[in-house]
Amino acid sequence: VEYFGASKGLWISTKVLKVNEDGTYDLACKPRVLSGNMRKTSQKEAAVDVKGPVFNVGDSVEYFGASQGRWIPAKVLSVTASG
């Protein structure tokens, strides 16, 4: 799976170690994670080595607002050379 690390603003590849009674998950990178902060990585996605920008100006995207605890719609205004 991948875990969204709000402090870094990145999806982090990790493993589920345990499903807790309260419905949270213990991951290799962090305990007691809610399912909304995780996503399954498809084998196709995991095998792709992305080169160049991942997003283009004008793309509709979402970002996880840690302070609000939810995904927020946004639009890409600019793209750096590293994507």
PDB file of N, CA and C in Angstrom:
ATOM      1  N   VAL A   1       0.840  -1.184   0.000  1.00  0.00           N
ATOM      2  CA  VAL A   1       0.000   0.000   0.000  1.00  0.00           C
ATOM      3  C   VAL A   1       0.876   1.234   0.000  1.00  0.00           C
ATOM      4  N   GLU A   2       0.218   2.362  -0.169  1.00  0.00           N
ATOM      5  CA  GLU A   2       0.887   3.641  -0.009  1.00  0.00           C
ATOM      6  C   GLU A   2       0.159   4.419   1.074  1.00  0.00           C
ATOM      7  N   TYR A   3       0.920   5.149   1.854  1.00  0.00           N
ATOM      8  CA  TYR A   3       0.399   5.963   2.951  1.00  0.00           C
ATOM      9  C   TYR A   3       0.687   7.419   2.627  1.00  0.00           C
ATOM     10  N   PHE A   4      -0.323   8.289   2.819  1.00  0.00           N
ATOM     11  CA  PHE A   4      -0.096   9.710   2.565  1.00  0.00           C
ATOM     12  C   PHE A   4       0.487  10.345   3.816  1.00  0.00           C
ATOM     13  N   GLY A   5       1.751  10.704   3.744  1.00  0.00           N
ATOM     14  CA  GLY A   5       2.433  11.368   4.852  1.00  0.00           C
ATOM     15  C   GLY A   5       2.169  12.864   4.772  1.00  0.00           C
ATOM     16  N   ALA A   6       1.219  13.343   5.553  1.00  0.00           N
ATOM     17  CA  ALA A   6       0.809  14.751   5.484  1.00  0.00           C
ATOM     18  C   ALA A   6       1.958  15.698   5.800  1.00  0.00           C
ATOM     19  N   SER A   7       2.838  15.315   6.709  1.00  0.00           N
ATOM     20  CA  SER A   7       3.937  16.215   7.070  1.00  0.00           C
ATOM     21  C   SER A   7       4.897  16.428   5.901  1.00  0.00           C
ATOM     22  N   LYS A   8       5.029  15.413   5.036  1.00  0.00           N
ATOM     23  CA  LYS A   8       5.905  15.535   3.870  1.00  0.00           C
ATOM     24  C   LYS A   8       5.121  15.827   2.599  1.00  0.00           C
ATOM     25  N   GLY A   9       3.801  15.616   2.649  1.00  0.00           N
ATOM     26  CA  GLY A   9       2.974  15.854   1.478  1.00  0.00           C
ATOM     27  C   GLY A   9       3.208  14.862   0.358  1.00  0.00           C
ATOM     28  N   LEU A  10       3.608  13.630   0.722  1.00  0.00           N
ATOM     29  CA  LEU A  10       3.947  12.613  -0.272  1.00  0.00           C
ATOM     30  C   LEU A  10       3.270  11.289   0.037  1.00  0.00           C
ATOM     31  N   TRP A  11       3.051  10.487  -1.010  1.00  0.00           N
ATOM     32  CA  TRP A  11       2.630   9.105  -0.829  1.00  0.00           C
ATOM     33  C   TRP A  11       3.881   8.276  -0.577  1.00  0.00           C
ATOM     34  N   ILE A  12       3.843   7.431   0.456  1.00  0.00           N
ATOM     35  CA  ILE A  12       4.993   6.636   0.876  1.00  0.00           C
ATOM     36  C   ILE A  12       4.647   5.157   0.714  1.00  0.00           C
ATOM     37  N   SER A  13       5.472   4.408  -0.005  1.00  0.00           N
ATOM     38  CA  SER A  13       5.270   2.969  -0.140  1.00  0.00           C
ATOM     39  C   SER A  13       5.573   2.299   1.186  1.00  0.00           C
ATOM     40  N   THR A  14       4.689   1.403   1.620  1.00  0.00           N
ATOM     41  CA  THR A  14       4.854   0.745   2.910  1.00  0.00           C
ATOM     42  C   THR A  14       4.087  -0.569   2.916  1.00  0.00           C
ATOM     43  N   LYS A  15       4.079  -1.247   4.044  1.00  0.00           N
ATOM     44  CA  LYS A  15       3.356  -2.510   4.195  1.00  0.00           C
ATOM     45  C   LYS A  15       2.428  -2.443   5.393  1.00  0.00           C
ATOM     46  N   VAL A  16       1.281  -3.121   5.272  1.00  0.00           N
ATOM     47  CA  VAL A  16       0.366  -3.256   6.401  1.00  0.00           C
ATOM     48  C   VAL A  16       0.889  -4.374   7.292  1.00  0.00           C
ATOM     49  N   LEU A  17       1.094  -4.064   8.559  1.00  0.00           N
ATOM     50  CA  LEU A  17       1.578  -5.051   9.516  1.00  0.00           C
ATOM     51  C   LEU A  17       0.441  -5.660  10.325  1.00  0.00           C
ATOM     52  N   LYS A  18      -0.623  -4.851  10.554  1.00  0.00           N
ATOM     53  CA  LYS A  18      -1.694  -5.301  11.442  1.00  0.00           C
ATOM     54  C   LYS A  18      -2.945  -4.462  11.217  1.00  0.00           C
ATOM     55  N   VAL A  19      -4.118  -5.112  11.320  1.00  0.00           N
ATOM     56  CA  VAL A  19      -5.395  -4.404  11.326  1.00  0.00           C
ATOM     57  C   VAL A  19      -5.846  -4.340  12.784  1.00  0.00           C
ATOM     58  N   ASN A  20      -6.071  -3.144  13.285  1.00  0.00           N
ATOM     59  CA  ASN A  20      -6.430  -2.957  14.686  1.00  0.00           C
ATOM     60  C   ASN A  20      -7.946  -3.065  14.888  1.00  0.00           C
ATOM     61  N   GLU A  21      -8.363  -3.371  16.115  1.00  0.00           N
ATOM     62  CA  GLU A  21      -9.778  -3.520  16.443  1.00  0.00           C
ATOM     63  C   GLU A  21     -10.570  -2.245  16.203  1.00  0.00           C
ATOM     64  N   ASP A  22      -9.927  -1.084  16.292  1.00  0.00           N
ATOM     65  CA  ASP A  22     -10.625   0.185  16.090  1.00  0.00           C
ATOM     66  C   ASP A  22     -10.747   0.570  14.612  1.00  0.00           C
ATOM     67  N   GLY A  23     -10.306  -0.321  13.712  1.00  0.00           N
ATOM     68  CA  GLY A  23     -10.418  -0.067  12.280  1.00  0.00           C
ATOM     69  C   GLY A  23      -9.222   0.633  11.673  1.00  0.00           C
ATOM     70  N   THR A  24      -8.223   0.976  12.486  1.00  0.00           N
ATOM     71  CA  THR A  24      -7.000   1.579  11.967  1.00  0.00           C
ATOM     72  C   THR A  24      -6.025   0.481  11.578  1.00  0.00           C
ATOM     73  N   TYR A  25      -4.946   0.882  10.927  1.00  0.00           N
ATOM     74  CA  TYR A  25      -3.937  -0.060  10.450  1.00  0.00           C
ATOM     75  C   TYR A  25      -2.576   0.323  10.995  1.00  0.00           C
ATOM     76  N   ASP A  26      -1.804  -0.666  11.419  1.00  0.00           N
ATOM     77  CA  ASP A  26      -0.403  -0.436  11.754  1.00  0.00           C
ATOM     78  C   ASP A  26       0.394  -0.689  10.485  1.00  0.00           C
ATOM     79  N   LEU A  27       1.098   0.331  10.024  1.00  0.00           N
ATOM     80  CA  LEU A  27       1.925   0.222   8.830  1.00  0.00           C
ATOM     81  C   LEU A  27       3.387   0.129   9.237  1.00  0.00           C
ATOM     82  N   ALA A  28       4.226  -0.272   8.328  1.00  0.00           N
ATOM     83  CA  ALA A  28       5.656  -0.353   8.615  1.00  0.00           C
ATOM     84  C   ALA A  28       6.221   1.026   8.952  1.00  0.00           C
ATOM     85  N   CYS A  29       5.582   2.083   8.426  1.00  0.00           N
ATOM     86  CA  CYS A  29       6.093   3.444   8.650  1.00  0.00           C
ATOM     87  C   CYS A  29       5.368   4.204   9.755  1.00  0.00           C
ATOM     88  N   LYS A  30       4.175   3.715  10.180  1.00  0.00           N
ATOM     89  CA  LYS A  30       3.408   4.467  11.177  1.00  0.00           C
ATOM     90  C   LYS A  30       2.286   3.594  11.729  1.00  0.00           C
ATOM     91  N   PRO A  31       2.039   3.659  13.051  1.00  0.00           N
ATOM     92  CA  PRO A  31       0.927   2.904  13.638  1.00  0.00           C
ATOM     93  C   PRO A  31      -0.397   3.675  13.549  1.00  0.00           C
ATOM     94  N   ARG A  32      -1.487   2.943  13.675  1.00  0.00           N
ATOM     95  CA  ARG A  32      -2.847   3.487  13.807  1.00  0.00           C
ATOM     96  C   ARG A  32      -3.224   4.488  12.719  1.00  0.00           C
ATOM     97  N   VAL A  33      -3.083   4.071  11.469  1.00  0.00           N
ATOM     98  CA  VAL A  33      -3.396   4.910  10.316  1.00  0.00           C
ATOM     99  C   VAL A  33      -4.833   4.637   9.879  1.00  0.00           C
ATOM    100  N   LEU A  34      -5.588   5.699   9.587  1.00  0.00           N
ATOM    101  CA  LEU A  34      -6.944   5.555   9.063  1.00  0.00           C
ATOM    102  C   LEU A  34      -6.891   5.145   7.597  1.00  0.00           C
ATOM    103  N   SER A  35      -7.879   4.389   7.159  1.00  0.00           N
ATOM    104  CA  SER A  35      -7.884   3.899   5.776  1.00  0.00           C
ATOM    105  C   SER A  35      -7.920   5.038   4.756  1.00  0.00           C
ATOM    106  N   GLY A  36      -8.467   6.187   5.117  1.00  0.00           N
ATOM    107  CA  GLY A  36      -8.518   7.320   4.201  1.00  0.00           C
ATOM    108  C   GLY A  36      -7.162   7.900   3.860  1.00  0.00           C
ATOM    109  N   ASN A  37      -6.134   7.539   4.612  1.00  0.00           N
ATOM    110  CA  ASN A  37      -4.771   8.008   4.346  1.00  0.00           C
ATOM    111  C   ASN A  37      -3.928   6.943   3.659  1.00  0.00           C
ATOM    112  N   MET A  38      -4.608   5.904   3.137  1.00  0.00           N
ATOM    113  CA  MET A  38      -3.905   4.815   2.466  1.00  0.00           C
ATOM    114  C   MET A  38      -4.542   4.576   1.106  1.00  0.00           C
ATOM    115  N   ARG A  39      -3.746   4.024   0.198  1.00  0.00           N
ATOM    116  CA  ARG A  39      -4.291   3.579  -1.080  1.00  0.00           C
ATOM    117  C   ARG A  39      -3.513   2.359  -1.533  1.00  0.00           C
ATOM    118  N   LYS A  40      -4.194   1.517  -2.276  1.00  0.00           N
ATOM    119  CA  LYS A  40      -3.552   0.329  -2.821  1.00  0.00           C
ATOM    120  C   LYS A  40      -2.762   0.741  -4.053  1.00  0.00           C
ATOM    121  N   THR A  41      -1.561   0.247  -4.174  1.00  0.00           N
ATOM    122  CA  THR A  41      -0.726   0.524  -5.333  1.00  0.00           C
ATOM    123  C   THR A  41      -0.895  -0.616  -6.316  1.00  0.00           C
ATOM    124  N   SER A  42      -1.318  -0.280  -7.532  1.00  0.00           N
ATOM    125  CA  SER A  42      -1.440  -1.336  -8.537  1.00  0.00           C
ATOM    126  C   SER A  42      -0.046  -1.734  -8.992  1.00  0.00           C
ATOM    127  N   GLN A  43       0.088  -2.968  -9.453  1.00  0.00           N
ATOM    128  CA  GLN A  43       1.393  -3.437  -9.927  1.00  0.00           C
ATOM    129  C   GLN A  43       1.855  -2.607 -11.118  1.00  0.00           C
ATOM    130  N   LYS A  44       0.903  -2.185 -11.952  1.00  0.00           N
ATOM    131  CA  LYS A  44       1.259  -1.363 -13.099  1.00  0.00           C
ATOM    132  C   LYS A  44       1.847  -0.032 -12.655  1.00  0.00           C
ATOM    133  N   GLU A  45       1.205   0.629 -11.673  1.00  0.00           N
ATOM    134  CA  GLU A  45       1.737   1.897 -11.166  1.00  0.00           C
ATOM    135  C   GLU A  45       3.104   1.718 -10.533  1.00  0.00           C
ATOM    136  N   ALA A  46       3.271   0.638  -9.784  1.00  0.00           N
ATOM    137  CA  ALA A  46       4.523   0.403  -9.085  1.00  0.00           C
ATOM    138  C   ALA A  46       5.671   0.161 -10.054  1.00  0.00           C
ATOM    139  N   ALA A  47       5.360  -0.369 -11.234  1.00  0.00           N
ATOM    140  CA  ALA A  47       6.398  -0.707 -12.196  1.00  0.00           C
ATOM    141  C   ALA A  47       6.780   0.460 -13.102  1.00  0.00           C
ATOM    142  N   VAL A  48       5.982   1.508 -13.126  1.00  0.00           N
ATOM    143  CA  VAL A  48       6.229   2.635 -14.020  1.00  0.00           C
ATOM    144  C   VAL A  48       7.274   3.565 -13.416  1.00  0.00           C
ATOM    145  N   ASP A  49       8.269   3.910 -14.222  1.00  0.00           N
ATOM    146  CA  ASP A  49       9.274   4.890 -13.822  1.00  0.00           C
ATOM    147  C   ASP A  49       8.937   6.185 -14.545  1.00  0.00           C
ATOM    148  N   VAL A  50       8.353   7.129 -13.839  1.00  0.00           N
ATOM    149  CA  VAL A  50       7.871   8.356 -14.454  1.00  0.00           C
ATOM    150  C   VAL A  50       9.036   9.304 -14.716  1.00  0.00           C
ATOM    151  N   LYS A  51       9.103   9.797 -15.939  1.00  0.00           N
ATOM    152  CA  LYS A  51      10.108  10.797 -16.316  1.00  0.00           C
ATOM    153  C   LYS A  51       9.370  12.059 -16.732  1.00  0.00           C
ATOM    154  N   GLY A  52       9.869  13.215 -16.343  1.00  0.00           N
ATOM    155  CA  GLY A  52       9.233  14.462 -16.720  1.00  0.00           C
ATOM    156  C   GLY A  52       8.101  14.819 -15.778  1.00  0.00           C
ATOM    157  N   PRO A  53       7.399  15.894 -16.071  1.00  0.00           N
ATOM    158  CA  PRO A  53       6.330  16.363 -15.196  1.00  0.00           C
ATOM    159  C   PRO A  53       5.200  15.354 -15.061  1.00  0.00           C
ATOM    160  N   VAL A  54       4.710  15.211 -13.854  1.00  0.00           N
ATOM    161  CA  VAL A  54       3.576  14.339 -13.590  1.00  0.00           C
ATOM    162  C   VAL A  54       2.292  15.117 -13.829  1.00  0.00           C
ATOM    163  N   PHE A  55       2.299  16.411 -13.581  1.00  0.00           N
ATOM    164  CA  PHE A  55       1.133  17.263 -13.722  1.00  0.00           C
ATOM    165  C   PHE A  55       1.408  18.348 -14.762  1.00  0.00           C
ATOM    166  N   ASN A  56       0.344  18.838 -15.351  1.00  0.00           N
ATOM    167  CA  ASN A  56       0.439  19.938 -16.306  1.00  0.00           C
ATOM    168  C   ASN A  56      -0.349  21.127 -15.773  1.00  0.00           C
ATOM    169  N   VAL A  57       0.049  22.320 -16.174  1.00  0.00           N
ATOM    170  CA  VAL A  57      -0.672  23.527 -15.783  1.00  0.00           C
ATOM    171  C   VAL A  57      -2.129  23.383 -16.212  1.00  0.00           C
ATOM    172  N   GLY A  58      -3.031  23.686 -15.286  1.00  0.00           N
ATOM    173  CA  GLY A  58      -4.458  23.599 -15.558  1.00  0.00           C
ATOM    174  C   GLY A  58      -5.100  22.303 -15.107  1.00  0.00           C
ATOM    175  N   ASP A  59      -4.281  21.272 -14.773  1.00  0.00           N
ATOM    176  CA  ASP A  59      -4.837  20.004 -14.306  1.00  0.00           C
ATOM    177  C   ASP A  59      -5.618  20.213 -13.011  1.00  0.00           C
ATOM    178  N   SER A  60      -6.751  19.542 -12.905  1.00  0.00           N
ATOM    179  CA  SER A  60      -7.492  19.513 -11.644  1.00  0.00           C
ATOM    180  C   SER A  60      -6.898  18.411 -10.788  1.00  0.00           C
ATOM    181  N   VAL A  61      -6.589  18.731  -9.546  1.00  0.00           N
ATOM    182  CA  VAL A  61      -5.955  17.791  -8.621  1.00  0.00           C
ATOM    183  C   VAL A  61      -6.613  17.928  -7.252  1.00  0.00           C
ATOM    184  N   GLU A  62      -6.194  17.108  -6.323  1.00  0.00           N
ATOM    185  CA  GLU A  62      -6.591  17.234  -4.929  1.00  0.00           C
ATOM    186  C   GLU A  62      -5.337  17.153  -4.084  1.00  0.00           C
ATOM    187  N   TYR A  63      -5.333  17.858  -2.977  1.00  0.00           N
ATOM    188  CA  TYR A  63      -4.249  17.713  -2.023  1.00  0.00           C
ATOM    189  C   TYR A  63      -4.858  17.458  -0.652  1.00  0.00           C
ATOM    190  N   PHE A  64      -4.099  16.759   0.195  1.00  0.00           N
ATOM    191  CA  PHE A  64      -4.603  16.436   1.515  1.00  0.00           C
ATOM    192  C   PHE A  64      -4.229  17.554   2.464  1.00  0.00           C
ATOM    193  N   GLY A  65      -5.236  18.281   2.953  1.00  0.00           N
ATOM    194  CA  GLY A  65      -5.026  19.347   3.931  1.00  0.00           C
ATOM    195  C   GLY A  65      -4.983  18.749   5.322  1.00  0.00           C
ATOM    196  N   ALA A  66      -3.788  18.575   5.867  1.00  0.00           N
ATOM    197  CA  ALA A  66      -3.628  17.915   7.168  1.00  0.00           C
ATOM    198  C   ALA A  66      -4.377  18.645   8.269  1.00  0.00           C
ATOM    199  N   SER A  67      -4.379  19.965   8.226  1.00  0.00           N
ATOM    200  CA  SER A  67      -5.056  20.715   9.287  1.00  0.00           C
ATOM    201  C   SER A  67      -6.567  20.541   9.218  1.00  0.00           C
ATOM    202  N   GLN A  68      -7.107  20.305   8.017  1.00  0.00           N
ATOM    203  CA  GLN A  68      -8.543  20.093   7.854  1.00  0.00           C
ATOM    204  C   GLN A  68      -8.907  18.612   7.836  1.00  0.00           C
ATOM    205  N   GLY A  69      -7.889  17.757   7.673  1.00  0.00           N
ATOM    206  CA  GLY A  69      -8.114  16.318   7.676  1.00  0.00           C
ATOM    207  C   GLY A  69      -8.939  15.823   6.506  1.00  0.00           C
ATOM    208  N   ARG A  70      -8.808  16.481   5.342  1.00  0.00           N
ATOM    209  CA  ARG A  70      -9.589  16.054   4.185  1.00  0.00           C
ATOM    210  C   ARG A  70      -8.877  16.446   2.891  1.00  0.00           C
ATOM    211  N   TRP A  71      -9.333  15.834   1.770  1.00  0.00           N
ATOM    212  CA  TRP A  71      -8.829  16.163   0.442  1.00  0.00           C
ATOM    213  C   TRP A  71      -9.498  17.436  -0.042  1.00  0.00           C
ATOM    214  N   ILE A  72      -8.717  18.345  -0.612  1.00  0.00           N
ATOM    215  CA  ILE A  72      -9.206  19.645  -1.046  1.00  0.00           C
ATOM    216  C   ILE A  72      -8.956  19.794  -2.551  1.00  0.00           C
ATOM    217  N   PRO A  73     -10.006  20.117  -3.325  1.00  0.00           N
ATOM    218  CA  PRO A  73      -9.819  20.318  -4.770  1.00  0.00           C
ATOM    219  C   PRO A  73      -8.878  21.494  -5.036  1.00  0.00           C
ATOM    220  N   ALA A  74      -8.060  21.359  -6.071  1.00  0.00           N
ATOM    221  CA  ALA A  74      -7.111  22.419  -6.426  1.00  0.00           C
ATOM    222  C   ALA A  74      -6.843  22.359  -7.926  1.00  0.00           C
ATOM    223  N   LYS A  75      -6.109  23.338  -8.421  1.00  0.00           N
ATOM    224  CA  LYS A  75      -5.732  23.379  -9.830  1.00  0.00           C
ATOM    225  C   LYS A  75      -4.244  23.688  -9.899  1.00  0.00           C
ATOM    226  N   VAL A  76      -3.520  23.013 -10.793  1.00  0.00           N
ATOM    227  CA  VAL A  76      -2.084  23.228 -10.954  1.00  0.00           C
ATOM    228  C   VAL A  76      -1.878  24.570 -11.653  1.00  0.00           C
ATOM    229  N   LEU A  77      -1.138  25.460 -10.985  1.00  0.00           N
ATOM    230  CA  LEU A  77      -0.867  26.790 -11.531  1.00  0.00           C
ATOM    231  C   LEU A  77       0.484  26.866 -12.241  1.00  0.00           C
ATOM    232  N   SER A  78       1.449  26.045 -11.781  1.00  0.00           N
ATOM    233  CA  SER A  78       2.756  26.016 -12.418  1.00  0.00           C
ATOM    234  C   SER A  78       3.411  24.668 -12.127  1.00  0.00           C
ATOM    235  N   VAL A  79       4.405  24.316 -12.940  1.00  0.00           N
ATOM    236  CA  VAL A  79       5.114  23.042 -12.796  1.00  0.00           C
ATOM    237  C   VAL A  79       6.610  23.320 -12.819  1.00  0.00           C
ATOM    238  N   THR A  80       7.342  22.725 -11.861  1.00  0.00           N
ATOM    239  CA  THR A  80       8.794  22.874 -11.832  1.00  0.00           C
ATOM    240  C   THR A  80       9.432  21.831 -12.755  1.00  0.00           C
ATOM    241  N   ALA A  81      10.709  21.944 -13.010  1.00  0.00           N
ATOM    242  CA  ALA A  81      11.416  20.997 -13.866  1.00  0.00           C
ATOM    243  C   ALA A  81      11.365  19.582 -13.308  1.00  0.00           C
ATOM    244  N   SER A  82      11.277  19.436 -11.973  1.00  0.00           N
ATOM    245  CA  SER A  82      11.240  18.104 -11.370  1.00  0.00           C
ATOM    246  C   SER A  82       9.826  17.551 -11.282  1.00  0.00           C
ATOM    247  N   GLY A  83       8.855  18.298 -11.795  1.00  0.00           N
ATOM    248  CA  GLY A  83       7.465  17.821 -11.806  1.00  0.00           C
ATOM    249  C   GLY A  83       6.684  18.344 -10.668  1.00  0.00           C
TER     250      GLY A  83
END
